[in-house]
Amino acid sequence: MRTALLMVALIGGFYLLREHWIHVAGNWVYLLLLACPLMHLLHGHGGDGGHGAPPDKPANREA
């Protein structure tokens, strides 16, 4: 199901770009600037181990 939705989105994006290429080509700088914050908002937040996670073992502090 997820693959089918991805394929529909890709096909739709292809036809949208094909029909409106002149607008995209004229405004590519603004589209690139818009893509940066969108990537930060929409990317996954997993896989980095968490921010501020406690260590597995306590530190061995010998003075």
PDB file of N, CA and C in Angstrom:
ATOM      1  N   MET A   1       0.827  -1.193   0.000  1.00  0.00           N
ATOM      2  CA  MET A   1       0.000   0.000   0.000  1.00  0.00           C
ATOM      3  C   MET A   1       0.873   1.260   0.000  1.00  0.00           C
ATOM      4  N   ARG A   2       1.931   1.244   0.815  1.00  0.00           N
ATOM      5  CA  ARG A   2       2.816   2.405   0.888  1.00  0.00           C
ATOM      6  C   ARG A   2       3.537   2.618  -0.440  1.00  0.00           C
ATOM      7  N   THR A   3       3.936   1.524  -1.075  1.00  0.00           N
ATOM      8  CA  THR A   3       4.619   1.623  -2.361  1.00  0.00           C
ATOM      9  C   THR A   3       3.682   2.186  -3.425  1.00  0.00           C
ATOM     10  N   ALA A   4       2.420   1.768  -3.389  1.00  0.00           N
ATOM     11  CA  ALA A   4       1.449   2.269  -4.366  1.00  0.00           C
ATOM     12  C   ALA A   4       1.235   3.774  -4.197  1.00  0.00           C
ATOM     13  N   LEU A   5       1.143   4.244  -2.957  1.00  0.00           N
ATOM     14  CA  LEU A   5       0.975   5.678  -2.720  1.00  0.00           C
ATOM     15  C   LEU A   5       2.202   6.463  -3.176  1.00  0.00           C
ATOM     16  N   LEU A   6       3.373   5.894  -2.953  1.00  0.00           N
ATOM     17  CA  LEU A   6       4.600   6.543  -3.403  1.00  0.00           C
ATOM     18  C   LEU A   6       4.637   6.648  -4.923  1.00  0.00           C
ATOM     19  N   MET A   7       4.233   5.584  -5.600  1.00  0.00           N
ATOM     20  CA  MET A   7       4.221   5.599  -7.063  1.00  0.00           C
ATOM     21  C   MET A   7       3.222   6.621  -7.602  1.00  0.00           C
ATOM     22  N   VAL A   8       2.042   6.706  -6.988  1.00  0.00           N
ATOM     23  CA  VAL A   8       1.044   7.693  -7.416  1.00  0.00           C
ATOM     24  C   VAL A   8       1.589   9.107  -7.211  1.00  0.00           C
ATOM     25  N   ALA A   9       2.263   9.344  -6.086  1.00  0.00           N
ATOM     26  CA  ALA A   9       2.837  10.663  -5.825  1.00  0.00           C
ATOM     27  C   ALA A   9       3.935  10.998  -6.838  1.00  0.00           C
ATOM     28  N   LEU A  10       4.770  10.029  -7.172  1.00  0.00           N
ATOM     29  CA  LEU A  10       5.832  10.266  -8.156  1.00  0.00           C
ATOM     30  C   LEU A  10       5.263  10.552  -9.541  1.00  0.00           C
ATOM     31  N   ILE A  11       4.257   9.795  -9.947  1.00  0.00           N
ATOM     32  CA  ILE A  11       3.640  10.017 -11.256  1.00  0.00           C
ATOM     33  C   ILE A  11       2.954  11.378 -11.290  1.00  0.00           C
ATOM     34  N   GLY A  12       2.241  11.718 -10.219  1.00  0.00           N
ATOM     35  CA  GLY A  12       1.597  13.026 -10.147  1.00  0.00           C
ATOM     36  C   GLY A  12       2.605  14.161 -10.181  1.00  0.00           C
ATOM     37  N   GLY A  13       3.712  13.993  -9.460  1.00  0.00           N
ATOM     38  CA  GLY A  13       4.763  15.007  -9.473  1.00  0.00           C
ATOM     39  C   GLY A  13       5.398  15.169 -10.846  1.00  0.00           C
ATOM     40  N   PHE A  14       5.566  14.049 -11.544  1.00  0.00           N
ATOM     41  CA  PHE A  14       6.123  14.105 -12.900  1.00  0.00           C
ATOM     42  C   PHE A  14       5.227  14.915 -13.827  1.00  0.00           C
ATOM     43  N   TYR A  15       3.941  14.619 -13.816  1.00  0.00           N
ATOM     44  CA  TYR A  15       3.021  15.353 -14.696  1.00  0.00           C
ATOM     45  C   TYR A  15       2.888  16.816 -14.283  1.00  0.00           C
ATOM     46  N   LEU A  16       2.925  17.082 -12.992  1.00  0.00           N
ATOM     47  CA  LEU A  16       2.854  18.466 -12.528  1.00  0.00           C
ATOM     48  C   LEU A  16       4.071  19.258 -13.001  1.00  0.00           C
ATOM     49  N   LEU A  17       5.258  18.668 -12.873  1.00  0.00           N
ATOM     50  CA  LEU A  17       6.473  19.341 -13.349  1.00  0.00           C
ATOM     51  C   LEU A  17       6.469  19.489 -14.865  1.00  0.00           C
ATOM     52  N   ARG A  18       5.965  18.490 -15.558  1.00  0.00           N
ATOM     53  CA  ARG A  18       5.946  18.545 -17.019  1.00  0.00           C
ATOM     54  C   ARG A  18       5.056  19.676 -17.525  1.00  0.00           C
ATOM     55  N   GLU A  19       3.932  19.864 -16.879  1.00  0.00           N
ATOM     56  CA  GLU A  19       2.993  20.893 -17.324  1.00  0.00           C
ATOM     57  C   GLU A  19       3.404  22.296 -16.878  1.00  0.00           C
ATOM     58  N   HIS A  20       4.138  22.403 -15.772  1.00  0.00           N
ATOM     59  CA  HIS A  20       4.464  23.712 -15.209  1.00  0.00           C
ATOM     60  C   HIS A  20       5.971  23.948 -15.141  1.00  0.00           C
ATOM     61  N   TRP A  21       6.728  23.361 -16.054  1.00  0.00           N
ATOM     62  CA  TRP A  21       8.183  23.441 -15.995  1.00  0.00           C
ATOM     63  C   TRP A  21       8.684  24.883 -16.120  1.00  0.00           C
ATOM     64  N   ILE A  22       8.025  25.693 -16.914  1.00  0.00           N
ATOM     65  CA  ILE A  22       8.479  27.074 -17.116  1.00  0.00           C
ATOM     66  C   ILE A  22       8.409  27.867 -15.808  1.00  0.00           C
ATOM     67  N   HIS A  23       7.422  27.575 -14.971  1.00  0.00           N
ATOM     68  CA  HIS A  23       7.311  28.257 -13.679  1.00  0.00           C
ATOM     69  C   HIS A  23       8.383  27.761 -12.712  1.00  0.00           C
ATOM     70  N   VAL A  24       8.642  26.457 -12.736  1.00  0.00           N
ATOM     71  CA  VAL A  24       9.669  25.882 -11.857  1.00  0.00           C
ATOM     72  C   VAL A  24      11.046  26.399 -12.255  1.00  0.00           C
ATOM     73  N   ALA A  25      11.322  26.439 -13.557  1.00  0.00           N
ATOM     74  CA  ALA A  25      12.633  26.889 -14.028  1.00  0.00           C
ATOM     75  C   ALA A  25      12.870  28.358 -13.693  1.00  0.00           C
ATOM     76  N   GLY A  26      11.816  29.157 -13.681  1.00  0.00           N
ATOM     77  CA  GLY A  26      11.974  30.571 -13.383  1.00  0.00           C
ATOM     78  C   GLY A  26      12.127  30.871 -11.906  1.00  0.00           C
ATOM     79  N   ASN A  27      11.706  29.953 -11.053  1.00  0.00           N
ATOM     80  CA  ASN A  27      11.716  30.205  -9.604  1.00  0.00           C
ATOM     81  C   ASN A  27      12.498  29.142  -8.834  1.00  0.00           C
ATOM     82  N   TRP A  28      13.498  28.531  -9.450  1.00  0.00           N
ATOM     83  CA  TRP A  28      14.192  27.427  -8.797  1.00  0.00           C
ATOM     84  C   TRP A  28      14.943  27.865  -7.541  1.00  0.00           C
ATOM     85  N   VAL A  29      15.417  29.091  -7.496  1.00  0.00           N
ATOM     86  CA  VAL A  29      16.145  29.569  -6.310  1.00  0.00           C
ATOM     87  C   VAL A  29      15.212  29.605  -5.102  1.00  0.00           C
ATOM     88  N   TYR A  30      14.001  30.106  -5.309  1.00  0.00           N
ATOM     89  CA  TYR A  30      13.037  30.182  -4.209  1.00  0.00           C
ATOM     90  C   TYR A  30      12.568  28.795  -3.788  1.00  0.00           C
ATOM     91  N   LEU A  31      12.433  27.893  -4.757  1.00  0.00           N
ATOM     92  CA  LEU A  31      12.033  26.527  -4.429  1.00  0.00           C
ATOM     93  C   LEU A  31      13.117  25.819  -3.619  1.00  0.00           C
ATOM     94  N   LEU A  32      14.372  26.088  -3.940  1.00  0.00           N
ATOM     95  CA  LEU A  32      15.477  25.508  -3.180  1.00  0.00           C
ATOM     96  C   LEU A  32      15.489  26.038  -1.748  1.00  0.00           C
ATOM     97  N   LEU A  33      15.264  27.337  -1.593  1.00  0.00           N
ATOM     98  CA  LEU A  33      15.206  27.919  -0.248  1.00  0.00           C
ATOM     99  C   LEU A  33      14.014  27.385   0.540  1.00  0.00           C
ATOM    100  N   LEU A  34      12.914  27.115  -0.124  1.00  0.00           N
ATOM    101  CA  LEU A  34      11.744  26.543   0.533  1.00  0.00           C
ATOM    102  C   LEU A  34      11.980  25.087   0.917  1.00  0.00           C
ATOM    103  N   ALA A  35      12.794  24.371   0.145  1.00  0.00           N
ATOM    104  CA  ALA A  35      13.048  22.959   0.423  1.00  0.00           C
ATOM    105  C   ALA A  35      13.838  22.768   1.718  1.00  0.00           C
ATOM    106  N   CYS A  36      14.717  23.695   2.062  1.00  0.00           N
ATOM    107  CA  CYS A  36      15.543  23.542   3.268  1.00  0.00           C
ATOM    108  C   CYS A  36      14.711  23.455   4.549  1.00  0.00           C
ATOM    109  N   PRO A  37      13.829  24.407   4.840  1.00  0.00           N
ATOM    110  CA  PRO A  37      13.036  24.268   6.064  1.00  0.00           C
ATOM    111  C   PRO A  37      12.056  23.105   5.997  1.00  0.00           C
ATOM    112  N   LEU A  38      11.568  22.780   4.804  1.00  0.00           N
ATOM    113  CA  LEU A  38      10.658  21.642   4.698  1.00  0.00           C
ATOM    114  C   LEU A  38      11.366  20.336   5.042  1.00  0.00           C
ATOM    115  N   MET A  39      12.622  20.190   4.644  1.00  0.00           N
ATOM    116  CA  MET A  39      13.364  18.984   4.998  1.00  0.00           C
ATOM    117  C   MET A  39      13.554  18.892   6.506  1.00  0.00           C
ATOM    118  N   HIS A  40      13.803  20.009   7.156  1.00  0.00           N
ATOM    119  CA  HIS A  40      13.977  19.999   8.604  1.00  0.00           C
ATOM    120  C   HIS A  40      12.674  19.680   9.320  1.00  0.00           C
ATOM    121  N   LEU A  41      11.557  20.127   8.792  1.00  0.00           N
ATOM    122  CA  LEU A  41      10.268  19.866   9.430  1.00  0.00           C
ATOM    123  C   LEU A  41       9.777  18.445   9.201  1.00  0.00           C
ATOM    124  N   LEU A  42      10.072  17.868   8.053  1.00  0.00           N
ATOM    125  CA  LEU A  42       9.452  16.611   7.666  1.00  0.00           C
ATOM    126  C   LEU A  42      10.347  15.385   7.812  1.00  0.00           C
ATOM    127  N   HIS A  43      11.601  15.540   8.171  1.00  0.00           N
ATOM    128  CA  HIS A  43      12.456  14.356   8.283  1.00  0.00           C
ATOM    129  C   HIS A  43      12.173  13.616   9.585  1.00  0.00           C
ATOM    130  N   GLY A  44      12.569  12.355   9.631  1.00  0.00           N
ATOM    131  CA  GLY A  44      12.367  11.546  10.830  1.00  0.00           C
ATOM    132  C   GLY A  44      13.316  11.942  11.933  1.00  0.00           C
ATOM    133  N   HIS A  45      12.876  11.780  13.158  1.00  0.00           N
ATOM    134  CA  HIS A  45      13.696  12.174  14.304  1.00  0.00           C
ATOM    135  C   HIS A  45      14.269  10.964  15.034  1.00  0.00           C
ATOM    136  N   GLY A  46      14.336   9.832  14.422  1.00  0.00           N
ATOM    137  CA  GLY A  46      14.852   8.642  15.086  1.00  0.00           C
ATOM    138  C   GLY A  46      16.268   8.322  14.649  1.00  0.00           C
ATOM    139  N   GLY A  47      16.894   7.417  15.373  1.00  0.00           N
ATOM    140  CA  GLY A  47      18.184   6.914  14.967  1.00  0.00           C
ATOM    141  C   GLY A  47      19.382   7.648  15.518  1.00  0.00           C
ATOM    142  N   ASP A  48      19.190   8.726  16.262  1.00  0.00           N
ATOM    143  CA  ASP A  48      20.360   9.427  16.774  1.00  0.00           C
ATOM    144  C   ASP A  48      20.607   9.117  18.243  1.00  0.00           C
ATOM    145  N   GLY A  49      19.851   8.208  18.825  1.00  0.00           N
ATOM    146  CA  GLY A  49      20.076   7.812  20.204  1.00  0.00           C
ATOM    147  C   GLY A  49      19.446   8.741  21.214  1.00  0.00           C
ATOM    148  N   GLY A  50      18.803   9.756  20.792  1.00  0.00           N
ATOM    149  CA  GLY A  50      18.153  10.680  21.718  1.00  0.00           C
ATOM    150  C   GLY A  50      19.110  11.749  22.198  1.00  0.00           C
ATOM    151  N   HIS A  51      18.588  12.902  22.463  1.00  0.00           N
ATOM    152  CA  HIS A  51      19.409  13.997  22.956  1.00  0.00           C
ATOM    153  C   HIS A  51      19.402  13.958  24.475  1.00  0.00           C
ATOM    154  N   GLY A  52      20.556  14.005  25.062  1.00  0.00           N
ATOM    155  CA  GLY A  52      20.659  14.022  26.511  1.00  0.00           C
ATOM    156  C   GLY A  52      20.364  12.680  27.159  1.00  0.00           C
ATOM    157  N   ALA A  53      20.525  11.593  26.423  1.00  0.00           N
ATOM    158  CA  ALA A  53      20.272  10.271  26.986  1.00  0.00           C
ATOM    159  C   ALA A  53      21.371   9.936  27.992  1.00  0.00           C
ATOM    160  N   PRO A  54      21.022   9.328  29.120  1.00  0.00           N
ATOM    161  CA  PRO A  54      22.045   8.969  30.098  1.00  0.00           C
ATOM    162  C   PRO A  54      22.946   7.869  29.544  1.00  0.00           C
ATOM    163  N   PRO A  55      24.215   7.859  29.931  1.00  0.00           N
ATOM    164  CA  PRO A  55      25.119   6.810  29.458  1.00  0.00           C
ATOM    165  C   PRO A  55      24.725   5.458  30.031  1.00  0.00           C
ATOM    166  N   ASP A  56      25.142   4.392  29.327  1.00  0.00           N
ATOM    167  CA  ASP A  56      24.827   3.039  29.777  1.00  0.00           C
ATOM    168  C   ASP A  56      25.526   2.698  31.090  1.00  0.00           C
ATOM    169  N   LYS A  57      26.773   3.116  31.223  1.00  0.00           N
ATOM    170  CA  LYS A  57      27.550   2.823  32.431  1.00  0.00           C
ATOM    171  C   LYS A  57      27.957   4.135  33.088  1.00  0.00           C
ATOM    172  N   PRO A  58      27.999   4.177  34.399  1.00  0.00           N
ATOM    173  CA  PRO A  58      28.496   5.393  35.053  1.00  0.00           C
ATOM    174  C   PRO A  58      29.989   5.564  34.769  1.00  0.00           C
ATOM    175  N   ALA A  59      30.411   6.792  34.687  1.00  0.00           N
ATOM    176  CA  ALA A  59      31.817   7.082  34.400  1.00  0.00           C
ATOM    177  C   ALA A  59      32.681   6.679  35.596  1.00  0.00           C
ATOM    178  N   ASN A  60      33.823   6.080  35.309  1.00  0.00           N
ATOM    179  CA  ASN A  60      34.767   5.681  36.341  1.00  0.00           C
ATOM    180  C   ASN A  60      35.687   6.865  36.596  1.00  0.00           C
ATOM    181  N   ARG A  61      35.464   7.553  37.700  1.00  0.00           N
ATOM    182  CA  ARG A  61      36.250   8.755  37.999  1.00  0.00           C
ATOM    183  C   ARG A  61      37.244   8.452  39.116  1.00  0.00           C
ATOM    184  N   GLU A  62      38.465   8.257  38.728  1.00  0.00           N
ATOM    185  CA  GLU A  62      39.521   8.061  39.718  1.00  0.00           C
ATOM    186  C   GLU A  62      40.405   9.296  39.699  1.00  0.00           C
ATOM    187  N   ALA A  63      40.591   9.895  40.853  1.00  0.00           N
ATOM    188  CA  ALA A  63      41.400  11.110  40.915  1.00  0.00           C
ATOM    189  C   ALA A  63      42.788  10.799  41.386  1.00  0.00           C
TER     190      ALA A  63
END
